[in-house]
């Protein structure tokens, strides 16, 4: 008995690039990387890569990437001086691993 030949995979049709879709979401408000990955349909670790590029590319425009820093849920420590965009693994104060990730949005440049 012969199986039918499988139809080739056809990706869903999109009109925007991934970065354009992320920018469109960021214009709506503040979102975590997990929220953006669900909205755009890419893995969370790829969102950070795209956010770094967006951060550099819109620096010359009238807009900027607004970043609310990560915060420890246990002791309340805020990772204000952190330059990396991804979520930290451990709190330096209480060594807790329950950390609320940073949130991102688009705002006007000062």
N, C-alpha and C. Protein backbone atom coordinates (compact mmCIF):
# COMPACT_ATOMS: atom_id res chain seq x y z
N UNK A 1 0.83 -1.17 0.00
CA UNK A 1 0.00 0.00 0.00
C UNK A 1 0.88 1.24 0.00
N UNK A 2 0.63 2.12 -0.90
CA UNK A 2 1.45 3.32 -1.05
C UNK A 2 0.83 4.50 -0.32
N UNK A 3 1.69 5.24 0.36
CA UNK A 3 1.23 6.46 1.02
C UNK A 3 1.21 7.60 0.01
N UNK A 4 0.35 8.54 0.27
CA UNK A 4 0.32 9.73 -0.56
C UNK A 4 1.60 10.52 -0.32
N UNK A 5 2.12 11.16 -1.34
CA UNK A 5 3.29 12.00 -1.10
C UNK A 5 2.90 13.19 -0.21
N UNK A 6 3.79 13.50 0.71
CA UNK A 6 3.51 14.60 1.62
C UNK A 6 3.60 15.92 0.88
N UNK A 7 2.71 16.81 1.24
CA UNK A 7 2.75 18.14 0.64
C UNK A 7 3.89 18.91 1.28
N UNK A 8 4.59 19.72 0.51
CA UNK A 8 5.69 20.48 1.09
C UNK A 8 5.17 21.51 2.09
N UNK A 9 6.00 21.79 3.10
CA UNK A 9 5.65 22.76 4.12
C UNK A 9 5.60 24.15 3.50
N UNK A 10 4.53 24.84 3.72
CA UNK A 10 4.42 26.22 3.25
C UNK A 10 4.27 27.11 4.47
N UNK A 11 5.19 28.04 4.66
CA UNK A 11 5.11 28.91 5.83
C UNK A 11 3.90 29.84 5.71
N UNK A 12 3.45 30.32 6.88
CA UNK A 12 2.31 31.23 6.84
C UNK A 12 2.71 32.52 6.15
N UNK A 13 1.75 33.14 5.55
CA UNK A 13 2.02 34.33 4.78
C UNK A 13 2.08 35.54 5.71
N UNK A 14 3.18 36.25 5.67
CA UNK A 14 3.32 37.47 6.46
C UNK A 14 3.76 38.60 5.54
N UNK A 15 3.36 39.78 5.90
CA UNK A 15 3.69 40.94 5.07
C UNK A 15 4.78 41.79 5.71
N UNK A 16 5.03 41.58 6.99
CA UNK A 16 6.06 42.32 7.70
C UNK A 16 7.23 41.40 8.01
N UNK A 17 8.40 42.01 8.19
CA UNK A 17 9.53 41.23 8.68
C UNK A 17 9.33 41.02 10.17
N UNK A 18 10.14 40.18 10.77
CA UNK A 18 10.02 39.92 12.21
C UNK A 18 10.26 41.20 12.99
N UNK A 19 11.25 41.95 12.61
CA UNK A 19 11.55 43.20 13.33
C UNK A 19 10.45 44.23 13.17
N UNK A 20 9.83 44.30 12.01
CA UNK A 20 8.71 45.21 11.82
C UNK A 20 7.53 44.79 12.69
N UNK A 21 7.32 43.49 12.82
CA UNK A 21 6.23 43.00 13.66
C UNK A 21 6.51 43.29 15.13
N UNK A 22 7.77 43.15 15.56
CA UNK A 22 8.14 43.46 16.94
C UNK A 22 7.96 44.95 17.20
N UNK A 23 8.40 45.79 16.27
CA UNK A 23 8.22 47.23 16.42
C UNK A 23 6.75 47.61 16.52
N UNK A 24 5.91 46.98 15.73
CA UNK A 24 4.47 47.25 15.78
C UNK A 24 3.91 46.91 17.15
N UNK A 25 4.35 45.80 17.73
CA UNK A 25 3.91 45.41 19.07
C UNK A 25 4.42 46.40 20.11
N UNK A 26 5.69 46.81 19.99
CA UNK A 26 6.29 47.71 20.97
C UNK A 26 5.60 49.08 20.98
N UNK A 27 5.06 49.49 19.85
CA UNK A 27 4.35 50.77 19.78
C UNK A 27 3.04 50.74 20.58
N UNK A 28 2.52 49.54 20.86
CA UNK A 28 1.26 49.40 21.58
C UNK A 28 1.43 49.54 23.09
N UNK A 29 2.65 49.33 23.61
CA UNK A 29 2.87 49.41 25.05
C UNK A 29 4.13 48.69 25.47
N UNK A 30 4.21 48.38 26.76
CA UNK A 30 5.38 47.71 27.33
C UNK A 30 5.12 46.21 27.37
N UNK A 31 6.09 45.43 26.86
CA UNK A 31 5.94 43.98 26.79
C UNK A 31 7.22 43.29 27.21
N UNK A 32 7.09 42.10 27.76
CA UNK A 32 8.26 41.28 28.06
C UNK A 32 8.65 40.53 26.79
N UNK A 33 9.83 39.93 26.80
CA UNK A 33 10.28 39.16 25.64
C UNK A 33 9.37 37.97 25.40
N UNK A 34 8.84 37.40 26.45
CA UNK A 34 7.92 36.26 26.32
C UNK A 34 6.62 36.71 25.62
N UNK A 35 6.11 37.88 25.99
CA UNK A 35 4.91 38.41 25.34
C UNK A 35 5.17 38.65 23.85
N UNK A 36 6.33 39.22 23.55
CA UNK A 36 6.67 39.51 22.15
C UNK A 36 6.85 38.23 21.35
N UNK A 37 7.45 37.22 21.96
CA UNK A 37 7.65 35.97 21.23
C UNK A 37 6.31 35.31 20.91
N UNK A 38 5.36 35.40 21.82
CA UNK A 38 4.03 34.83 21.57
C UNK A 38 3.30 35.62 20.49
N UNK A 39 3.45 36.95 20.50
CA UNK A 39 2.74 37.78 19.53
C UNK A 39 3.30 37.63 18.12
N UNK A 40 4.62 37.47 18.02
CA UNK A 40 5.27 37.42 16.71
C UNK A 40 5.43 35.99 16.21
N UNK A 41 5.50 35.05 17.14
CA UNK A 41 5.61 33.64 16.76
C UNK A 41 7.03 33.16 16.55
N UNK A 42 7.96 33.69 17.35
CA UNK A 42 9.35 33.24 17.29
C UNK A 42 9.79 32.86 18.71
N UNK A 43 10.87 32.09 18.85
CA UNK A 43 11.36 31.74 20.19
C UNK A 43 11.82 32.97 20.98
N UNK A 44 11.70 32.89 22.29
CA UNK A 44 12.03 34.02 23.16
C UNK A 44 13.49 34.46 23.01
N UNK A 45 14.41 33.49 22.84
CA UNK A 45 15.83 33.88 22.74
C UNK A 45 16.11 34.66 21.46
N UNK A 46 15.32 34.46 20.42
CA UNK A 46 15.49 35.24 19.19
C UNK A 46 14.99 36.67 19.36
N UNK A 47 14.02 36.86 20.25
CA UNK A 47 13.48 38.20 20.49
C UNK A 47 14.59 39.13 20.99
N UNK A 48 15.43 38.64 21.89
CA UNK A 48 16.52 39.46 22.43
C UNK A 48 17.47 39.91 21.33
N UNK A 49 17.78 39.02 20.42
CA UNK A 49 18.65 39.36 19.29
C UNK A 49 18.02 40.47 18.45
N UNK A 50 16.75 40.36 18.15
CA UNK A 50 16.06 41.37 17.36
C UNK A 50 15.95 42.69 18.12
N UNK A 51 15.74 42.62 19.44
CA UNK A 51 15.66 43.85 20.24
C UNK A 51 16.98 44.61 20.26
N UNK A 52 18.10 43.89 20.30
CA UNK A 52 19.40 44.56 20.25
C UNK A 52 19.56 45.31 18.93
N UNK A 53 19.15 44.69 17.85
CA UNK A 53 19.25 45.35 16.55
C UNK A 53 18.30 46.54 16.46
N UNK A 54 17.10 46.38 16.97
CA UNK A 54 16.14 47.49 16.98
C UNK A 54 16.67 48.64 17.81
N UNK A 55 17.28 48.31 18.95
CA UNK A 55 17.85 49.33 19.84
C UNK A 55 18.90 50.18 19.10
N UNK A 56 19.76 49.51 18.33
CA UNK A 56 20.79 50.23 17.57
C UNK A 56 20.20 50.98 16.38
N UNK A 57 19.24 50.40 15.71
CA UNK A 57 18.74 50.99 14.47
C UNK A 57 17.84 52.21 14.70
N UNK A 58 17.11 52.25 15.81
CA UNK A 58 16.24 53.41 16.02
C UNK A 58 16.92 54.50 16.84
N UNK A 59 18.18 54.30 17.21
CA UNK A 59 18.90 55.29 18.00
C UNK A 59 19.05 56.61 17.27
N UNK A 60 19.09 56.58 15.95
CA UNK A 60 19.26 57.81 15.17
C UNK A 60 17.93 58.48 14.85
N UNK A 61 16.82 57.86 15.19
CA UNK A 61 15.51 58.45 14.89
C UNK A 61 14.99 59.23 16.09
N UNK A 62 13.78 59.72 15.98
CA UNK A 62 13.15 60.48 17.06
C UNK A 62 12.57 59.56 18.12
N UNK A 63 12.70 58.26 17.95
CA UNK A 63 12.19 57.28 18.90
C UNK A 63 13.34 56.58 19.59
N UNK A 64 13.05 55.89 20.70
CA UNK A 64 14.06 55.11 21.38
C UNK A 64 13.41 53.91 22.03
N UNK A 65 14.21 52.89 22.31
CA UNK A 65 13.74 51.70 22.99
C UNK A 65 13.73 51.98 24.49
N UNK A 66 12.56 51.89 25.10
CA UNK A 66 12.42 52.11 26.53
C UNK A 66 12.51 50.74 27.21
N UNK A 67 13.37 50.65 28.22
CA UNK A 67 13.58 49.38 28.92
C UNK A 67 13.29 49.55 30.41
N UNK A 68 12.29 48.82 30.89
CA UNK A 68 12.04 48.74 32.34
C UNK A 68 12.89 47.58 32.84
N UNK A 69 13.84 47.83 33.73
CA UNK A 69 14.79 46.78 34.12
C UNK A 69 14.15 45.60 34.83
N UNK A 70 14.88 44.49 34.82
CA UNK A 70 14.44 43.27 35.51
C UNK A 70 14.44 43.52 37.01
N UNK A 71 13.63 42.72 37.72
CA UNK A 71 13.48 42.90 39.16
C UNK A 71 13.34 41.54 39.84
N UNK A 72 14.00 41.41 40.99
CA UNK A 72 13.90 40.17 41.77
C UNK A 72 12.54 40.14 42.47
N UNK A 73 11.83 39.03 42.33
CA UNK A 73 10.52 38.90 42.95
C UNK A 73 10.63 38.65 44.46
N UNK A 74 11.78 38.15 44.91
CA UNK A 74 11.96 37.79 46.31
C UNK A 74 12.33 39.00 47.18
N UNK A 75 13.36 39.75 46.75
CA UNK A 75 13.83 40.86 47.59
C UNK A 75 13.57 42.24 46.98
N UNK A 76 13.15 42.30 45.72
CA UNK A 76 12.85 43.58 45.09
C UNK A 76 14.03 44.28 44.45
N UNK A 77 15.19 43.63 44.39
CA UNK A 77 16.36 44.24 43.77
C UNK A 77 16.08 44.54 42.30
N UNK A 78 16.44 45.76 41.86
CA UNK A 78 16.21 46.18 40.47
C UNK A 78 17.56 46.19 39.75
N UNK A 79 17.63 45.53 38.62
CA UNK A 79 18.85 45.44 37.83
C UNK A 79 18.97 46.67 36.93
N UNK A 80 19.11 47.85 37.53
CA UNK A 80 19.07 49.12 36.81
C UNK A 80 20.30 49.34 35.92
N UNK A 81 21.46 48.89 36.34
CA UNK A 81 22.69 49.16 35.59
C UNK A 81 23.03 48.08 34.58
N UNK A 82 22.17 47.10 34.43
CA UNK A 82 22.43 45.99 33.51
C UNK A 82 22.31 46.45 32.06
N UNK A 83 23.32 46.18 31.26
CA UNK A 83 23.32 46.58 29.86
C UNK A 83 22.75 45.51 28.94
N UNK A 84 22.82 44.24 29.36
CA UNK A 84 22.27 43.17 28.54
C UNK A 84 20.75 43.25 28.58
N UNK A 85 20.12 42.90 27.46
CA UNK A 85 18.67 42.97 27.39
C UNK A 85 17.97 41.74 27.93
N UNK A 86 18.68 40.60 27.99
CA UNK A 86 18.02 39.37 28.42
C UNK A 86 17.82 39.33 29.93
N UNK A 87 17.00 38.39 30.39
CA UNK A 87 16.67 38.24 31.80
C UNK A 87 17.86 37.66 32.55
N UNK A 88 18.24 38.26 33.69
CA UNK A 88 19.34 37.70 34.48
C UNK A 88 18.94 36.36 35.09
N UNK A 89 19.93 35.56 35.41
CA UNK A 89 19.66 34.23 35.95
C UNK A 89 19.48 34.19 37.45
N UNK A 90 20.18 35.08 38.18
CA UNK A 90 20.18 35.01 39.63
C UNK A 90 20.32 36.41 40.22
N UNK A 91 19.70 36.64 41.35
CA UNK A 91 19.80 37.93 42.04
C UNK A 91 21.13 37.99 42.79
N UNK A 92 21.89 39.08 42.66
CA UNK A 92 23.17 39.18 43.36
C UNK A 92 23.01 39.42 44.86
N UNK A 93 21.84 39.86 45.30
CA UNK A 93 21.63 40.16 46.71
C UNK A 93 21.17 38.93 47.49
N UNK A 94 20.04 38.34 47.07
CA UNK A 94 19.47 37.22 47.83
C UNK A 94 19.72 35.86 47.17
N UNK A 95 20.37 35.86 46.01
CA UNK A 95 20.68 34.64 45.25
C UNK A 95 19.43 33.91 44.75
N UNK A 96 18.29 34.59 44.80
CA UNK A 96 17.04 34.00 44.31
C UNK A 96 17.03 33.93 42.79
N UNK A 97 16.30 32.97 42.25
CA UNK A 97 16.21 32.81 40.80
C UNK A 97 14.86 33.20 40.24
N UNK A 98 13.97 33.68 41.10
CA UNK A 98 12.65 34.13 40.65
C UNK A 98 12.75 35.60 40.27
N UNK A 99 12.96 35.84 38.99
CA UNK A 99 13.22 37.20 38.51
C UNK A 99 12.20 37.57 37.45
N UNK A 100 11.61 38.75 37.61
CA UNK A 100 10.70 39.29 36.62
C UNK A 100 11.57 39.92 35.52
N UNK A 101 11.41 39.45 34.31
CA UNK A 101 12.24 39.91 33.20
C UNK A 101 11.99 41.37 32.83
N UNK A 102 12.91 41.95 32.08
CA UNK A 102 12.72 43.34 31.66
C UNK A 102 11.54 43.47 30.71
N UNK A 103 10.99 44.67 30.64
CA UNK A 103 9.88 44.96 29.74
C UNK A 103 10.35 46.04 28.78
N UNK A 104 9.85 45.98 27.56
CA UNK A 104 10.32 46.85 26.49
C UNK A 104 9.17 47.60 25.85
N UNK A 105 9.47 48.78 25.36
CA UNK A 105 8.50 49.59 24.64
C UNK A 105 9.22 50.61 23.78
N UNK A 106 8.46 51.39 23.05
CA UNK A 106 9.02 52.45 22.22
C UNK A 106 8.54 53.78 22.76
N UNK A 107 9.47 54.73 22.93
CA UNK A 107 9.11 56.05 23.44
C UNK A 107 9.81 57.13 22.65
N UNK A 108 9.48 58.38 22.97
CA UNK A 108 10.10 59.51 22.31
C UNK A 108 11.50 59.73 22.87
N UNK A 109 12.43 60.13 22.01
CA UNK A 109 13.79 60.44 22.45
C UNK A 109 13.78 61.74 23.20
N UNK A 110 14.64 61.84 24.18
CA UNK A 110 14.71 63.07 24.99
C UNK A 110 15.48 64.14 24.32
